[in-house]
Amino acid sequence: RDRALALRVREHLRAALPEQPTLPAIARRLFLSPRTLHRRLEDEGTSFRAIKDGLRRDLAIDWLTKTARPLSRIGADLGFADAAAFYRAFSAWTGSGPREYRKRFAAP
């Protein structure tokens, strides 16, 4: 049970992509109140936002390094409003832009 709820939240968020369900929407799907979900995630040492950002980061890295999917499509598939929002988020997560990251780490 250590991180079980966080993993369930992550699964629900991934299944909903490119939609970005809110914490109350995920709480309803898990038959919890938003406050209870928030509190239980806090007990597991995480937050809804951290789970959502982690999922988006992990998928972006995976898609950038293992596929030829266009950057604009990756951003859209992850639920970003536009390419600039994806670029800003990715740069904050990794310290480099998505194009540079792909050049550096993509499988040959």
N, C-alpha and C. Protein backbone atom coordinates (compact mmCIF):
# COMPACT_ATOMS: atom_id res chain seq x y z
N ARG A 1 0.81 -1.19 0.00
CA ARG A 1 0.00 0.00 0.00
C ARG A 1 0.85 1.25 0.00
N ASP A 2 2.13 1.07 0.08
CA ASP A 2 3.08 2.16 0.19
C ASP A 2 2.84 3.26 -0.85
N ARG A 3 2.75 2.91 -2.12
CA ARG A 3 2.51 3.89 -3.19
C ARG A 3 1.37 3.44 -4.09
N ALA A 4 0.51 2.61 -3.57
CA ALA A 4 -0.55 2.01 -4.39
C ALA A 4 -1.50 3.06 -4.95
N LEU A 5 -1.91 4.01 -4.15
CA LEU A 5 -2.85 5.02 -4.64
C LEU A 5 -2.20 5.90 -5.69
N ALA A 6 -0.96 6.28 -5.48
CA ALA A 6 -0.26 7.11 -6.47
C ALA A 6 -0.18 6.38 -7.81
N LEU A 7 0.07 5.08 -7.78
CA LEU A 7 0.12 4.31 -9.03
C LEU A 7 -1.24 4.24 -9.70
N ARG A 8 -2.30 4.11 -8.92
CA ARG A 8 -3.65 4.09 -9.49
C ARG A 8 -4.00 5.43 -10.11
N VAL A 9 -3.63 6.52 -9.46
CA VAL A 9 -3.87 7.86 -10.02
C VAL A 9 -3.11 8.00 -11.33
N ARG A 10 -1.87 7.57 -11.36
CA ARG A 10 -1.05 7.64 -12.58
C ARG A 10 -1.69 6.84 -13.71
N GLU A 11 -2.20 5.65 -13.40
CA GLU A 11 -2.87 4.83 -14.41
C GLU A 11 -4.10 5.53 -14.97
N HIS A 12 -4.90 6.15 -14.11
CA HIS A 12 -6.09 6.87 -14.57
C HIS A 12 -5.70 8.06 -15.45
N LEU A 13 -4.65 8.77 -15.05
CA LEU A 13 -4.20 9.91 -15.85
C LEU A 13 -3.70 9.46 -17.22
N ARG A 14 -2.95 8.37 -17.24
CA ARG A 14 -2.43 7.88 -18.53
C ARG A 14 -3.56 7.43 -19.44
N ALA A 15 -4.54 6.75 -18.88
CA ALA A 15 -5.66 6.26 -19.69
C ALA A 15 -6.48 7.41 -20.28
N ALA A 16 -6.46 8.56 -19.63
CA ALA A 16 -7.26 9.70 -20.06
C ALA A 16 -6.56 10.58 -21.09
N LEU A 17 -5.25 10.39 -21.29
CA LEU A 17 -4.52 11.25 -22.22
C LEU A 17 -5.16 11.26 -23.59
N PRO A 18 -5.21 12.39 -24.29
CA PRO A 18 -4.58 13.66 -23.99
C PRO A 18 -5.41 14.56 -23.06
N GLU A 19 -6.54 14.08 -22.62
CA GLU A 19 -7.33 14.86 -21.66
C GLU A 19 -6.54 14.96 -20.36
N GLN A 20 -6.78 16.00 -19.61
CA GLN A 20 -6.11 16.21 -18.34
C GLN A 20 -7.15 16.29 -17.23
N PRO A 21 -7.59 15.15 -16.71
CA PRO A 21 -8.61 15.20 -15.67
C PRO A 21 -8.10 15.93 -14.43
N THR A 22 -9.01 16.57 -13.75
CA THR A 22 -8.67 17.29 -12.53
C THR A 22 -8.62 16.33 -11.35
N LEU A 23 -8.09 16.82 -10.25
CA LEU A 23 -8.06 16.01 -9.04
C LEU A 23 -9.47 15.58 -8.64
N PRO A 24 -10.48 16.47 -8.64
CA PRO A 24 -11.83 16.01 -8.30
C PRO A 24 -12.36 14.92 -9.23
N ALA A 25 -12.03 15.01 -10.52
CA ALA A 25 -12.50 13.98 -11.47
C ALA A 25 -11.85 12.63 -11.17
N ILE A 26 -10.57 12.63 -10.88
CA ILE A 26 -9.88 11.38 -10.54
C ILE A 26 -10.40 10.85 -9.21
N ALA A 27 -10.63 11.73 -8.26
CA ALA A 27 -11.16 11.30 -6.96
C ALA A 27 -12.51 10.60 -7.14
N ARG A 28 -13.37 11.14 -7.99
CA ARG A 28 -14.67 10.49 -8.26
C ARG A 28 -14.47 9.09 -8.82
N ARG A 29 -13.53 8.95 -9.75
CA ARG A 29 -13.26 7.63 -10.36
C ARG A 29 -12.75 6.62 -9.34
N LEU A 30 -12.10 7.13 -8.31
CA LEU A 30 -11.56 6.26 -7.26
C LEU A 30 -12.49 6.16 -6.05
N PHE A 31 -13.68 6.75 -6.16
CA PHE A 31 -14.68 6.73 -5.11
C PHE A 31 -14.16 7.34 -3.81
N LEU A 32 -13.46 8.48 -3.96
CA LEU A 32 -12.92 9.22 -2.83
C LEU A 32 -13.34 10.67 -2.96
N SER A 33 -13.31 11.38 -1.85
CA SER A 33 -13.50 12.82 -1.94
C SER A 33 -12.17 13.44 -2.38
N PRO A 34 -12.22 14.61 -3.01
CA PRO A 34 -10.96 15.25 -3.40
C PRO A 34 -10.01 15.45 -2.22
N ARG A 35 -10.56 15.84 -1.08
CA ARG A 35 -9.72 16.06 0.11
C ARG A 35 -9.07 14.77 0.58
N THR A 36 -9.82 13.67 0.56
CA THR A 36 -9.26 12.38 0.97
C THR A 36 -8.16 11.95 0.01
N LEU A 37 -8.38 12.12 -1.29
CA LEU A 37 -7.36 11.78 -2.27
C LEU A 37 -6.11 12.60 -2.02
N HIS A 38 -6.28 13.89 -1.83
CA HIS A 38 -5.14 14.78 -1.57
C HIS A 38 -4.38 14.32 -0.32
N ARG A 39 -5.10 14.04 0.73
CA ARG A 39 -4.48 13.65 2.00
C ARG A 39 -3.75 12.30 1.87
N ARG A 40 -4.36 11.34 1.19
CA ARG A 40 -3.72 10.02 1.04
C ARG A 40 -2.48 10.09 0.16
N LEU A 41 -2.55 10.91 -0.88
CA LEU A 41 -1.35 11.09 -1.70
C LEU A 41 -0.24 11.75 -0.88
N GLU A 42 -0.62 12.70 -0.07
CA GLU A 42 0.34 13.36 0.81
C GLU A 42 0.97 12.33 1.76
N ASP A 43 0.16 11.43 2.27
CA ASP A 43 0.67 10.36 3.15
C ASP A 43 1.66 9.46 2.42
N GLU A 44 1.50 9.32 1.10
CA GLU A 44 2.41 8.51 0.29
C GLU A 44 3.63 9.32 -0.17
N GLY A 45 3.68 10.59 0.25
CA GLY A 45 4.83 11.42 -0.07
C GLY A 45 4.80 12.05 -1.44
N THR A 46 3.60 12.23 -1.99
CA THR A 46 3.49 12.82 -3.32
C THR A 46 2.27 13.72 -3.39
N SER A 47 2.00 14.22 -4.57
CA SER A 47 0.83 15.07 -4.80
C SER A 47 0.27 14.76 -6.18
N PHE A 48 -0.95 15.19 -6.42
CA PHE A 48 -1.59 14.99 -7.72
C PHE A 48 -0.75 15.65 -8.82
N ARG A 49 -0.31 16.84 -8.56
CA ARG A 49 0.50 17.57 -9.55
C ARG A 49 1.81 16.85 -9.85
N ALA A 50 2.47 16.34 -8.81
CA ALA A 50 3.73 15.63 -9.01
C ALA A 50 3.52 14.36 -9.84
N ILE A 51 2.43 13.66 -9.60
CA ILE A 51 2.13 12.45 -10.37
C ILE A 51 1.87 12.82 -11.83
N LYS A 52 1.07 13.85 -12.04
CA LYS A 52 0.74 14.28 -13.40
C LYS A 52 2.00 14.73 -14.15
N ASP A 53 2.81 15.54 -13.50
CA ASP A 53 4.04 16.02 -14.14
C ASP A 53 5.01 14.87 -14.39
N GLY A 54 5.12 13.95 -13.45
CA GLY A 54 6.01 12.80 -13.63
C GLY A 54 5.59 11.92 -14.79
N LEU A 55 4.29 11.70 -14.92
CA LEU A 55 3.79 10.90 -16.03
C LEU A 55 4.10 11.58 -17.36
N ARG A 56 3.80 12.85 -17.44
CA ARG A 56 4.04 13.58 -18.68
C ARG A 56 5.52 13.60 -19.02
N ARG A 57 6.37 13.83 -18.03
CA ARG A 57 7.83 13.82 -18.25
C ARG A 57 8.29 12.45 -18.75
N ASP A 58 7.88 11.40 -18.06
CA ASP A 58 8.32 10.06 -18.43
C ASP A 58 7.87 9.68 -19.84
N LEU A 59 6.63 10.00 -20.18
CA LEU A 59 6.15 9.69 -21.53
C LEU A 59 6.86 10.53 -22.58
N ALA A 60 7.08 11.81 -22.28
CA ALA A 60 7.79 12.67 -23.24
C ALA A 60 9.19 12.13 -23.51
N ILE A 61 9.91 11.77 -22.46
CA ILE A 61 11.26 11.23 -22.63
C ILE A 61 11.22 9.93 -23.44
N ASP A 62 10.29 9.07 -23.10
CA ASP A 62 10.16 7.79 -23.81
C ASP A 62 9.88 8.02 -25.29
N TRP A 63 8.92 8.87 -25.59
CA TRP A 63 8.54 9.12 -26.98
C TRP A 63 9.64 9.85 -27.75
N LEU A 64 10.35 10.76 -27.09
CA LEU A 64 11.42 11.48 -27.76
C LEU A 64 12.59 10.56 -28.11
N THR A 65 12.87 9.61 -27.25
CA THR A 65 14.05 8.77 -27.45
C THR A 65 13.77 7.49 -28.22
N LYS A 66 12.50 7.07 -28.27
CA LYS A 66 12.20 5.78 -28.90
C LYS A 66 11.31 5.86 -30.13
N THR A 67 10.83 7.05 -30.46
CA THR A 67 9.98 7.20 -31.63
C THR A 67 10.43 8.40 -32.46
N ALA A 68 9.89 8.49 -33.66
CA ALA A 68 10.14 9.66 -34.51
C ALA A 68 8.93 10.59 -34.49
N ARG A 69 8.06 10.41 -33.52
CA ARG A 69 6.86 11.23 -33.40
C ARG A 69 7.24 12.71 -33.35
N PRO A 70 6.57 13.55 -34.13
CA PRO A 70 6.90 14.99 -34.13
C PRO A 70 6.70 15.61 -32.75
N LEU A 71 7.53 16.61 -32.45
CA LEU A 71 7.46 17.28 -31.15
C LEU A 71 6.08 17.86 -30.89
N SER A 72 5.48 18.45 -31.91
CA SER A 72 4.15 19.05 -31.73
C SER A 72 3.11 18.00 -31.34
N ARG A 73 3.24 16.81 -31.92
CA ARG A 73 2.30 15.73 -31.60
C ARG A 73 2.53 15.22 -30.18
N ILE A 74 3.79 15.11 -29.77
CA ILE A 74 4.08 14.68 -28.40
C ILE A 74 3.44 15.64 -27.42
N GLY A 75 3.65 16.92 -27.63
CA GLY A 75 3.06 17.92 -26.74
C GLY A 75 1.55 17.82 -26.70
N ALA A 76 0.92 17.69 -27.88
CA ALA A 76 -0.55 17.57 -27.94
C ALA A 76 -1.02 16.28 -27.28
N ASP A 77 -0.31 15.18 -27.53
CA ASP A 77 -0.71 13.89 -26.94
C ASP A 77 -0.58 13.89 -25.42
N LEU A 78 0.27 14.76 -24.90
CA LEU A 78 0.43 14.87 -23.45
C LEU A 78 -0.50 15.90 -22.83
N GLY A 79 -1.31 16.54 -23.67
CA GLY A 79 -2.31 17.47 -23.17
C GLY A 79 -1.86 18.90 -23.01
N PHE A 80 -0.72 19.26 -23.61
CA PHE A 80 -0.28 20.65 -23.53
C PHE A 80 -1.07 21.50 -24.50
N ALA A 81 -1.36 22.72 -24.11
CA ALA A 81 -2.17 23.61 -24.93
C ALA A 81 -1.48 23.99 -26.23
N ASP A 82 -0.16 24.11 -26.20
CA ASP A 82 0.59 24.47 -27.40
C ASP A 82 2.03 24.03 -27.27
N ALA A 83 2.79 24.18 -28.35
CA ALA A 83 4.18 23.73 -28.37
C ALA A 83 5.03 24.49 -27.36
N ALA A 84 4.74 25.77 -27.18
CA ALA A 84 5.52 26.57 -26.23
C ALA A 84 5.36 26.06 -24.80
N ALA A 85 4.15 25.68 -24.44
CA ALA A 85 3.90 25.15 -23.09
C ALA A 85 4.66 23.84 -22.89
N PHE A 86 4.66 22.99 -23.90
CA PHE A 86 5.40 21.73 -23.82
C PHE A 86 6.89 22.01 -23.69
N TYR A 87 7.41 22.92 -24.50
CA TYR A 87 8.84 23.26 -24.46
C TYR A 87 9.24 23.76 -23.07
N ARG A 88 8.44 24.67 -22.50
CA ARG A 88 8.75 25.21 -21.17
C ARG A 88 8.76 24.12 -20.11
N ALA A 89 7.74 23.27 -20.14
CA ALA A 89 7.66 22.19 -19.14
C ALA A 89 8.83 21.22 -19.31
N PHE A 90 9.11 20.81 -20.54
CA PHE A 90 10.19 19.86 -20.77
C PHE A 90 11.53 20.44 -20.35
N SER A 91 11.75 21.70 -20.65
CA SER A 91 13.00 22.35 -20.26
C SER A 91 13.13 22.41 -18.74
N ALA A 92 12.04 22.65 -18.05
CA ALA A 92 12.07 22.68 -16.58
C ALA A 92 12.38 21.29 -16.02
N TRP A 93 11.84 20.24 -16.65
CA TRP A 93 12.05 18.87 -16.17
C TRP A 93 13.47 18.39 -16.41
N THR A 94 14.04 18.71 -17.57
CA THR A 94 15.31 18.08 -17.98
C THR A 94 16.48 19.04 -18.11
N GLY A 95 16.22 20.33 -18.17
CA GLY A 95 17.30 21.29 -18.36
C GLY A 95 17.65 21.52 -19.81
N SER A 96 16.96 20.85 -20.73
CA SER A 96 17.17 21.11 -22.16
C SER A 96 15.84 21.02 -22.89
N GLY A 97 15.82 21.60 -24.07
CA GLY A 97 14.61 21.55 -24.87
C GLY A 97 14.39 20.17 -25.45
N PRO A 98 13.16 19.86 -25.87
CA PRO A 98 12.88 18.53 -26.40
C PRO A 98 13.68 18.16 -27.65
N ARG A 99 13.90 19.11 -28.54
CA ARG A 99 14.66 18.82 -29.76
C ARG A 99 16.10 18.45 -29.42
N GLU A 100 16.72 19.23 -28.54
CA GLU A 100 18.09 18.95 -28.13
C GLU A 100 18.16 17.62 -27.38
N TYR A 101 17.19 17.34 -26.56
CA TYR A 101 17.16 16.09 -25.81
C TYR A 101 17.09 14.90 -26.76
N ARG A 102 16.25 15.01 -27.75
CA ARG A 102 16.11 13.93 -28.73
C ARG A 102 17.44 13.69 -29.46
N LYS A 103 18.09 14.78 -29.89
CA LYS A 103 19.36 14.63 -30.59
C LYS A 103 20.40 13.94 -29.72
N ARG A 104 20.41 14.27 -28.45
CA ARG A 104 21.42 13.74 -27.54
C ARG A 104 21.16 12.30 -27.13
N PHE A 105 19.88 11.92 -26.92
CA PHE A 105 19.58 10.64 -26.31
C PHE A 105 18.80 9.64 -27.16
N ALA A 106 18.39 10.03 -28.34
CA ALA A 106 17.58 9.12 -29.16
C ALA A 106 18.39 7.89 -29.57
N ALA A 107 17.71 6.77 -29.61
CA ALA A 107 18.34 5.53 -30.05
C ALA A 107 18.65 5.65 -31.54
N PRO A 108 19.82 5.16 -31.96
CA PRO A 108 20.21 5.29 -33.38
C PRO A 108 19.32 4.47 -34.29
